[in-house]
Amino acid sequence: MERFVTGASLIYGENLEEKENHTLWIKDGEFFKIIPNSDIPSDKPITRLNGGFLFPGLIDLHVHLMWDGSANPVHTHEKESYEQKLIRAVSNAHTYLKNGVTTVRDLGSIDDIALHVAEAINRNLIVGTRVIASGKTLTMTGGHDPFWGRFVDGKDEALK
């Protein structure tokens, strides 16, 4: 299926160049090409926007989907069940997408919550941003985030 989105300034390319009087061509559900407005085929569906900007999705490279965003997420973590943390992670993945963040990199969660959320999104069981999940963090004994990490002291343990 093809469709065309026009009527907004497009922010595009490595230098985020603004392209006016251009149209986004979507083919098979993916951005295919940017074309001048004069090249829009007359026999295809057209979505006309009323100004504004259209740009590629944003990427957040350091998130923890299960966190609540409070000043002390560890306190919340200690009071909540696994199921509550999982539900929050699903909700956060959906919120990211709704706000234009199309990809996140989750850098650690307990019991692989982020991996489960990523799989559910990939299987179209839930709606959410694309999640690149690391699973459990690796930390030295006494290191950062000991409540969800796997303790690794030295290269031999890291290679296990």
N, C-alpha and C. Protein backbone atom coordinates (compact mmCIF):
# COMPACT_ATOMS: atom_id res chain seq x y z
N MET A 1 0.84 -1.18 0.00
CA MET A 1 0.00 0.00 0.00
C MET A 1 0.88 1.25 0.00
N GLU A 2 0.51 2.20 -0.79
CA GLU A 2 1.23 3.46 -0.87
C GLU A 2 0.32 4.61 -0.45
N ARG A 3 0.92 5.59 0.20
CA ARG A 3 0.20 6.83 0.49
C ARG A 3 1.21 7.96 0.56
N PHE A 4 0.68 9.16 0.50
CA PHE A 4 1.52 10.35 0.45
C PHE A 4 1.05 11.33 1.53
N VAL A 5 2.02 11.92 2.24
CA VAL A 5 1.72 12.90 3.30
C VAL A 5 2.32 14.22 2.87
N THR A 6 1.47 15.23 2.80
CA THR A 6 1.91 16.54 2.32
C THR A 6 1.33 17.64 3.21
N GLY A 7 1.81 18.87 3.02
CA GLY A 7 1.25 20.00 3.75
C GLY A 7 2.02 20.38 5.00
N ALA A 8 3.19 19.82 5.20
CA ALA A 8 4.03 20.18 6.35
C ALA A 8 5.47 20.36 5.86
N SER A 9 6.25 21.12 6.60
CA SER A 9 7.67 21.21 6.29
C SER A 9 8.34 19.93 6.78
N LEU A 10 9.15 19.33 5.92
CA LEU A 10 9.83 18.08 6.27
C LEU A 10 11.23 18.40 6.79
N ILE A 11 11.59 17.81 7.90
CA ILE A 11 12.95 17.90 8.43
C ILE A 11 13.61 16.58 8.07
N TYR A 12 14.68 16.64 7.29
CA TYR A 12 15.18 15.42 6.67
C TYR A 12 16.69 15.45 6.52
N GLY A 13 17.29 14.27 6.52
CA GLY A 13 18.70 14.12 6.20
C GLY A 13 19.61 14.23 7.40
N GLU A 14 20.87 13.96 7.14
CA GLU A 14 21.88 13.94 8.20
C GLU A 14 21.99 15.29 8.91
N ASN A 15 21.79 16.38 8.17
CA ASN A 15 21.90 17.72 8.75
C ASN A 15 20.53 18.30 9.11
N LEU A 16 19.49 17.46 9.11
CA LEU A 16 18.12 17.87 9.43
C LEU A 16 17.71 19.13 8.65
N GLU A 17 17.89 19.03 7.35
CA GLU A 17 17.55 20.12 6.44
C GLU A 17 16.03 20.24 6.31
N GLU A 18 15.52 21.47 6.32
CA GLU A 18 14.08 21.70 6.15
C GLU A 18 13.74 21.73 4.67
N LYS A 19 12.77 20.89 4.30
CA LYS A 19 12.31 20.85 2.91
C LYS A 19 10.86 21.28 2.86
N GLU A 20 10.61 22.41 2.24
CA GLU A 20 9.24 22.88 2.05
C GLU A 20 8.77 22.43 0.68
N ASN A 21 7.47 22.37 0.50
CA ASN A 21 6.86 21.99 -0.78
C ASN A 21 7.30 20.60 -1.24
N HIS A 22 7.48 19.73 -0.29
CA HIS A 22 7.81 18.33 -0.57
C HIS A 22 6.82 17.42 0.14
N THR A 23 6.78 16.20 -0.29
CA THR A 23 5.82 15.21 0.21
C THR A 23 6.55 13.95 0.64
N LEU A 24 6.08 13.36 1.72
CA LEU A 24 6.61 12.07 2.19
C LEU A 24 5.84 10.95 1.52
N TRP A 25 6.54 10.06 0.86
CA TRP A 25 5.95 8.91 0.18
C TRP A 25 6.15 7.71 1.10
N ILE A 26 5.05 7.09 1.50
CA ILE A 26 5.09 5.91 2.37
C ILE A 26 4.70 4.70 1.54
N LYS A 27 5.54 3.69 1.56
CA LYS A 27 5.32 2.48 0.76
C LYS A 27 5.47 1.27 1.67
N ASP A 28 4.47 0.41 1.68
CA ASP A 28 4.48 -0.80 2.51
C ASP A 28 4.76 -0.48 3.99
N GLY A 29 4.17 0.63 4.47
CA GLY A 29 4.28 0.99 5.88
C GLY A 29 5.58 1.64 6.29
N GLU A 30 6.47 1.92 5.34
CA GLU A 30 7.76 2.53 5.68
C GLU A 30 8.00 3.77 4.84
N PHE A 31 8.78 4.71 5.39
CA PHE A 31 9.15 5.89 4.62
C PHE A 31 9.94 5.43 3.41
N PHE A 32 9.49 5.80 2.24
CA PHE A 32 10.14 5.35 1.01
C PHE A 32 10.99 6.44 0.37
N LYS A 33 10.38 7.63 0.23
CA LYS A 33 11.09 8.67 -0.49
C LYS A 33 10.44 10.02 -0.19
N ILE A 34 11.22 11.08 -0.36
CA ILE A 34 10.69 12.43 -0.30
C ILE A 34 10.71 12.97 -1.73
N ILE A 35 9.55 13.48 -2.16
CA ILE A 35 9.42 13.95 -3.54
C ILE A 35 8.85 15.37 -3.55
N PRO A 36 9.11 16.12 -4.61
CA PRO A 36 8.48 17.44 -4.73
C PRO A 36 6.95 17.28 -4.81
N ASN A 37 6.23 18.26 -4.30
CA ASN A 37 4.77 18.20 -4.34
C ASN A 37 4.24 18.01 -5.76
N SER A 38 4.95 18.54 -6.73
CA SER A 38 4.50 18.44 -8.13
C SER A 38 4.53 17.01 -8.65
N ASP A 39 5.23 16.11 -7.95
CA ASP A 39 5.34 14.71 -8.41
C ASP A 39 4.36 13.76 -7.74
N ILE A 40 3.42 14.28 -6.94
CA ILE A 40 2.46 13.40 -6.26
C ILE A 40 1.52 12.78 -7.30
N PRO A 41 1.43 11.45 -7.36
CA PRO A 41 0.48 10.82 -8.29
C PRO A 41 -0.96 11.16 -7.89
N SER A 42 -1.80 11.38 -8.86
CA SER A 42 -3.18 11.78 -8.57
C SER A 42 -4.07 10.60 -8.17
N ASP A 43 -3.61 9.37 -8.42
CA ASP A 43 -4.46 8.19 -8.16
C ASP A 43 -4.12 7.49 -6.84
N LYS A 44 -3.32 8.12 -5.98
CA LYS A 44 -2.91 7.51 -4.71
C LYS A 44 -3.52 8.27 -3.54
N PRO A 45 -3.70 7.59 -2.38
CA PRO A 45 -4.23 8.28 -1.20
C PRO A 45 -3.26 9.37 -0.71
N ILE A 46 -3.82 10.53 -0.37
CA ILE A 46 -3.02 11.65 0.09
C ILE A 46 -3.56 12.11 1.45
N THR A 47 -2.65 12.25 2.41
CA THR A 47 -2.98 12.84 3.70
C THR A 47 -2.46 14.25 3.67
N ARG A 48 -3.36 15.21 3.84
CA ARG A 48 -2.97 16.63 3.80
C ARG A 48 -2.92 17.18 5.23
N LEU A 49 -1.73 17.63 5.62
CA LEU A 49 -1.55 18.25 6.94
C LEU A 49 -1.72 19.75 6.79
N ASN A 50 -2.01 20.40 7.87
CA ASN A 50 -2.25 21.84 7.84
C ASN A 50 -1.08 22.55 8.51
N GLY A 51 0.09 22.50 7.87
CA GLY A 51 1.27 23.16 8.42
C GLY A 51 2.00 22.28 9.41
N GLY A 52 2.90 22.88 10.14
CA GLY A 52 3.68 22.15 11.11
C GLY A 52 4.91 21.50 10.49
N PHE A 53 5.45 20.55 11.23
CA PHE A 53 6.68 19.89 10.79
C PHE A 53 6.50 18.39 10.86
N LEU A 54 7.16 17.70 9.98
CA LEU A 54 7.18 16.24 9.96
C LEU A 54 8.65 15.84 9.93
N PHE A 55 9.07 15.01 10.91
CA PHE A 55 10.48 14.62 10.97
C PHE A 55 10.60 13.19 11.44
N PRO A 56 11.77 12.58 11.21
CA PRO A 56 11.96 11.19 11.64
C PRO A 56 11.77 11.04 13.14
N GLY A 57 11.44 9.86 13.58
CA GLY A 57 11.25 9.59 15.00
C GLY A 57 12.50 9.85 15.80
N LEU A 58 12.31 10.18 17.04
CA LEU A 58 13.42 10.42 17.95
C LEU A 58 13.87 9.10 18.57
N ILE A 59 15.12 9.07 19.03
CA ILE A 59 15.69 7.88 19.67
C ILE A 59 16.23 8.30 21.04
N ASP A 60 15.86 7.54 22.06
CA ASP A 60 16.40 7.77 23.40
C ASP A 60 17.33 6.60 23.72
N LEU A 61 18.59 6.89 23.93
CA LEU A 61 19.61 5.85 24.07
C LEU A 61 19.86 5.39 25.50
N HIS A 62 19.15 5.96 26.48
CA HIS A 62 19.36 5.50 27.85
C HIS A 62 18.04 5.62 28.62
N VAL A 63 17.32 4.52 28.66
CA VAL A 63 16.07 4.48 29.43
C VAL A 63 16.04 3.22 30.29
N HIS A 64 15.16 3.25 31.26
CA HIS A 64 14.79 2.06 32.03
C HIS A 64 13.26 2.07 32.04
N LEU A 65 12.66 1.29 31.18
CA LEU A 65 11.21 1.33 30.99
C LEU A 65 10.44 1.07 32.28
N MET A 66 11.01 0.31 33.19
CA MET A 66 10.27 -0.04 34.41
C MET A 66 10.28 1.06 35.46
N TRP A 67 11.15 2.08 35.31
CA TRP A 67 11.20 3.16 36.28
C TRP A 67 9.98 4.06 36.17
N ASP A 68 9.67 4.74 37.29
CA ASP A 68 8.50 5.62 37.31
C ASP A 68 8.82 7.08 37.02
N GLY A 69 10.07 7.44 36.84
CA GLY A 69 10.44 8.81 36.54
C GLY A 69 10.48 9.73 37.76
N SER A 70 10.32 9.15 38.94
CA SER A 70 10.35 9.96 40.16
C SER A 70 11.79 10.28 40.55
N ALA A 71 11.93 11.12 41.57
CA ALA A 71 13.25 11.46 42.09
C ALA A 71 13.93 10.25 42.73
N ASN A 72 13.13 9.26 43.19
CA ASN A 72 13.68 8.09 43.85
C ASN A 72 13.01 6.82 43.31
N PRO A 73 13.36 6.42 42.10
CA PRO A 73 12.70 5.25 41.52
C PRO A 73 13.01 3.95 42.26
N VAL A 74 14.12 3.90 42.98
CA VAL A 74 14.46 2.70 43.75
C VAL A 74 13.42 2.51 44.86
N HIS A 75 12.99 3.59 45.47
CA HIS A 75 11.96 3.50 46.52
C HIS A 75 10.68 2.89 45.94
N THR A 76 10.26 3.38 44.78
CA THR A 76 9.07 2.82 44.13
C THR A 76 9.29 1.35 43.79
N HIS A 77 10.45 1.05 43.25
CA HIS A 77 10.80 -0.33 42.88
C HIS A 77 10.66 -1.28 44.07
N GLU A 78 11.09 -0.83 45.23
CA GLU A 78 11.05 -1.69 46.41
C GLU A 78 9.63 -1.94 46.91
N LYS A 79 8.70 -1.06 46.60
CA LYS A 79 7.32 -1.19 47.07
C LYS A 79 6.40 -1.92 46.08
N GLU A 80 6.82 -2.05 44.84
CA GLU A 80 5.92 -2.59 43.82
C GLU A 80 6.19 -4.06 43.51
N SER A 81 5.16 -4.72 43.02
CA SER A 81 5.30 -6.11 42.59
C SER A 81 5.91 -6.15 41.18
N TYR A 82 6.35 -7.32 40.81
CA TYR A 82 6.86 -7.54 39.45
C TYR A 82 5.81 -7.14 38.42
N GLU A 83 4.57 -7.53 38.65
CA GLU A 83 3.50 -7.25 37.70
C GLU A 83 3.29 -5.74 37.52
N GLN A 84 3.36 -4.98 38.60
CA GLN A 84 3.22 -3.53 38.50
C GLN A 84 4.35 -2.92 37.69
N LYS A 85 5.56 -3.43 37.89
CA LYS A 85 6.71 -2.93 37.12
C LYS A 85 6.55 -3.26 35.64
N LEU A 86 6.05 -4.45 35.36
CA LEU A 86 5.83 -4.85 33.96
C LEU A 86 4.78 -3.96 33.31
N ILE A 87 3.68 -3.70 34.02
CA ILE A 87 2.62 -2.84 33.48
C ILE A 87 3.16 -1.43 33.23
N ARG A 88 3.96 -0.90 34.15
CA ARG A 88 4.56 0.42 33.94
C ARG A 88 5.45 0.42 32.71
N ALA A 89 6.25 -0.62 32.53
CA ALA A 89 7.15 -0.68 31.38
C ALA A 89 6.35 -0.68 30.07
N VAL A 90 5.25 -1.42 30.04
CA VAL A 90 4.38 -1.43 28.85
C VAL A 90 3.82 -0.02 28.62
N SER A 91 3.33 0.59 29.67
CA SER A 91 2.77 1.94 29.57
C SER A 91 3.82 2.94 29.10
N ASN A 92 5.02 2.87 29.65
CA ASN A 92 6.09 3.78 29.25
C ASN A 92 6.48 3.59 27.78
N ALA A 93 6.52 2.35 27.32
CA ALA A 93 6.84 2.09 25.91
C ALA A 93 5.79 2.72 25.00
N HIS A 94 4.54 2.63 25.40
CA HIS A 94 3.46 3.24 24.62
C HIS A 94 3.58 4.77 24.66
N THR A 95 3.86 5.33 25.82
CA THR A 95 3.99 6.78 25.97
C THR A 95 5.13 7.32 25.12
N TYR A 96 6.27 6.63 25.12
CA TYR A 96 7.38 7.07 24.26
C TYR A 96 6.92 7.18 22.81
N LEU A 97 6.26 6.16 22.30
CA LEU A 97 5.83 6.16 20.91
C LEU A 97 4.83 7.30 20.65
N LYS A 98 3.90 7.45 21.54
CA LYS A 98 2.88 8.50 21.41
C LYS A 98 3.52 9.90 21.35
N ASN A 99 4.67 10.05 21.98
CA ASN A 99 5.36 11.34 22.01
C ASN A 99 6.46 11.48 20.96
N GLY A 100 6.50 10.57 19.98
CA GLY A 100 7.43 10.71 18.86
C GLY A 100 8.76 10.04 19.02
N VAL A 101 8.97 9.32 20.12
CA VAL A 101 10.22 8.57 20.31
C VAL A 101 9.97 7.17 19.75
N THR A 102 10.55 6.89 18.60
CA THR A 102 10.25 5.64 17.90
C THR A 102 11.18 4.49 18.27
N THR A 103 12.28 4.79 18.97
CA THR A 103 13.20 3.74 19.42
C THR A 103 13.79 4.13 20.77
N VAL A 104 13.87 3.17 21.68
CA VAL A 104 14.58 3.39 22.94
C VAL A 104 15.56 2.24 23.15
N ARG A 105 16.60 2.54 23.89
CA ARG A 105 17.56 1.52 24.31
C ARG A 105 17.45 1.41 25.82
N ASP A 106 16.90 0.29 26.27
CA ASP A 106 16.73 0.06 27.71
C ASP A 106 18.00 -0.59 28.23
N LEU A 107 18.60 0.05 29.25
CA LEU A 107 19.90 -0.40 29.73
C LEU A 107 19.85 -1.22 31.01
N GLY A 108 18.69 -1.79 31.31
CA GLY A 108 18.63 -2.70 32.44
C GLY A 108 17.29 -2.71 33.12
N SER A 109 16.86 -3.91 33.48
CA SER A 109 15.60 -4.06 34.22
C SER A 109 15.66 -5.37 34.99
N ILE A 110 14.83 -5.47 36.02
CA ILE A 110 14.83 -6.71 36.79
C ILE A 110 14.08 -7.79 36.01
N ASP A 111 14.51 -9.01 36.19
CA ASP A 111 13.84 -10.17 35.60
C ASP A 111 13.55 -9.99 34.12
N ASP A 112 14.40 -9.26 33.44
CA ASP A 112 14.30 -9.09 31.99
C ASP A 112 12.99 -8.48 31.53
N ILE A 113 12.41 -7.60 32.33
CA ILE A 113 11.15 -6.94 31.95
C ILE A 113 11.27 -6.29 30.58
N ALA A 114 12.34 -5.54 30.34
CA ALA A 114 12.47 -4.84 29.06
C ALA A 114 12.55 -5.82 27.89
N LEU A 115 13.18 -6.97 28.09
CA LEU A 115 13.22 -7.98 27.02
C LEU A 115 11.83 -8.51 26.71
N HIS A 116 11.02 -8.71 27.75
CA HIS A 116 9.65 -9.19 27.56
C HIS A 116 8.79 -8.15 26.85
N VAL A 117 8.94 -6.89 27.22
CA VAL A 117 8.20 -5.81 26.57
C VAL A 117 8.62 -5.71 25.11
N ALA A 118 9.91 -5.76 24.84
CA ALA A 118 10.40 -5.69 23.45
C ALA A 118 9.82 -6.83 22.61
N GLU A 119 9.80 -8.02 23.17
CA GLU A 119 9.25 -9.17 22.43
C GLU A 119 7.76 -8.99 22.17
N ALA A 120 7.03 -8.51 23.15
CA ALA A 120 5.58 -8.30 22.98
C ALA A 120 5.31 -7.25 21.89
N ILE A 121 6.11 -6.20 21.85
CA ILE A 121 5.96 -5.18 20.80
C ILE A 121 6.29 -5.80 19.45
N ASN A 122 7.38 -6.54 19.37
CA ASN A 122 7.78 -7.16 18.10
C ASN A 122 6.75 -8.16 17.58
N ARG A 123 6.01 -8.79 18.50
CA ARG A 123 4.98 -9.76 18.11
C ARG A 123 3.62 -9.11 17.93
N ASN A 124 3.58 -7.76 18.03
CA ASN A 124 2.34 -7.00 17.88
C ASN A 124 1.29 -7.35 18.92
N LEU A 125 1.73 -7.75 20.11
CA LEU A 125 0.80 -8.02 21.20
C LEU A 125 0.42 -6.73 21.92
N ILE A 126 1.35 -5.76 21.91
CA ILE A 126 1.10 -4.45 22.51
C ILE A 126 1.66 -3.39 21.56
N VAL A 127 1.22 -2.16 21.76
CA VAL A 127 1.71 -1.03 20.96
C VAL A 127 2.75 -0.29 21.78
N GLY A 128 3.89 -0.07 21.17
CA GLY A 128 4.95 0.66 21.86
C GLY A 128 6.08 0.98 20.92
N THR A 129 6.99 1.79 21.40
CA THR A 129 8.17 2.15 20.64
C THR A 129 9.05 0.92 20.42
N ARG A 130 9.92 0.97 19.45
CA ARG A 130 10.89 -0.12 19.24
C ARG A 130 11.83 -0.11 20.45
N VAL A 131 12.03 -1.28 21.06
CA VAL A 131 12.87 -1.39 22.25
C VAL A 131 14.09 -2.25 21.95
N ILE A 132 15.25 -1.68 22.17
CA ILE A 132 16.50 -2.44 22.13
C ILE A 132 16.88 -2.63 23.59
N ALA A 133 16.75 -3.85 24.07
CA ALA A 133 16.89 -4.12 25.50
C ALA A 133 18.14 -4.91 25.81
N SER A 134 18.82 -4.51 26.87
CA SER A 134 20.04 -5.21 27.27
C SER A 134 19.76 -6.36 28.22
N GLY A 135 18.59 -6.36 28.85
CA GLY A 135 18.34 -7.36 29.88
C GLY A 135 19.02 -6.95 31.17
N LYS A 136 19.48 -7.93 31.91
CA LYS A 136 20.15 -7.64 33.19
C LYS A 136 21.45 -6.88 32.95
N THR A 137 21.71 -5.95 33.88
CA THR A 137 22.99 -5.25 33.80
C THR A 137 24.07 -6.12 34.44
N LEU A 138 25.28 -5.88 34.02
CA LEU A 138 26.43 -6.53 34.64
C LEU A 138 27.10 -5.49 35.52
N THR A 139 27.37 -5.83 36.76
CA THR A 139 27.97 -4.88 37.69
C THR A 139 28.96 -5.61 38.60
N MET A 140 29.96 -4.90 39.04
CA MET A 140 30.90 -5.50 39.99
C MET A 140 30.24 -5.59 41.36
N THR A 141 30.72 -6.45 42.20
CA THR A 141 30.19 -6.59 43.55
C THR A 141 30.22 -5.22 44.23
N GLY A 142 29.05 -4.81 44.74
CA GLY A 142 28.94 -3.50 45.38
C GLY A 142 28.77 -2.35 44.40
N GLY A 143 28.63 -2.66 43.11
CA GLY A 143 28.54 -1.62 42.09
C GLY A 143 27.14 -1.05 41.92
N HIS A 144 26.96 -0.31 40.88
CA HIS A 144 25.73 0.42 40.56
C HIS A 144 24.57 -0.55 40.32
N ASP A 145 23.41 -0.23 40.84
CA ASP A 145 22.17 -1.00 40.66
C ASP A 145 22.30 -2.47 41.04
N PRO A 146 22.71 -2.75 42.28
CA PRO A 146 22.90 -4.15 42.67
C PRO A 146 21.60 -4.94 42.76
N PHE A 147 20.45 -4.27 42.82
CA PHE A 147 19.17 -4.96 42.97
C PHE A 147 18.69 -5.61 41.70
N TRP A 148 19.30 -5.30 40.56
CA TRP A 148 18.83 -5.96 39.34
C TRP A 148 19.97 -6.51 38.47
N GLY A 149 21.17 -6.23 38.87
CA GLY A 149 22.30 -6.65 38.04
C GLY A 149 22.81 -8.04 38.39
N ARG A 150 23.67 -8.52 37.55
CA ARG A 150 24.40 -9.77 37.79
C ARG A 150 25.81 -9.36 38.17
N PHE A 151 26.28 -9.87 39.29
CA PHE A 151 27.61 -9.48 39.74
C PHE A 151 28.66 -10.18 38.92
N VAL A 152 29.59 -9.38 38.42
CA VAL A 152 30.68 -9.88 37.58
C VAL A 152 31.96 -9.21 38.08
N ASP A 153 32.86 -10.01 38.60
CA ASP A 153 34.12 -9.48 39.08
C ASP A 153 35.25 -10.09 38.24
N GLY A 154 35.67 -9.35 37.27
CA GLY A 154 36.77 -9.79 36.42
C GLY A 154 36.31 -10.38 35.09
N LYS A 155 37.26 -10.51 34.18
CA LYS A 155 36.94 -10.93 32.81
C LYS A 155 36.44 -12.38 32.76
N ASP A 156 36.95 -13.26 33.62
CA ASP A 156 36.52 -14.66 33.59
C ASP A 156 35.02 -14.79 33.90
N GLU A 157 34.53 -14.04 34.89
CA GLU A 157 33.11 -14.08 35.20
C GLU A 157 32.29 -13.43 34.11
N ALA A 158 32.82 -12.41 33.49
CA ALA A 158 32.08 -11.74 32.41
C ALA A 158 31.91 -12.66 31.21
N LEU A 159 32.83 -13.58 31.01
CA LEU A 159 32.76 -14.47 29.86
C LEU A 159 31.89 -15.70 30.10
N LYS A 160 31.40 -15.90 31.33
CA LYS A 160 30.55 -17.05 31.64
C LYS A 160 29.25 -17.01 30.87
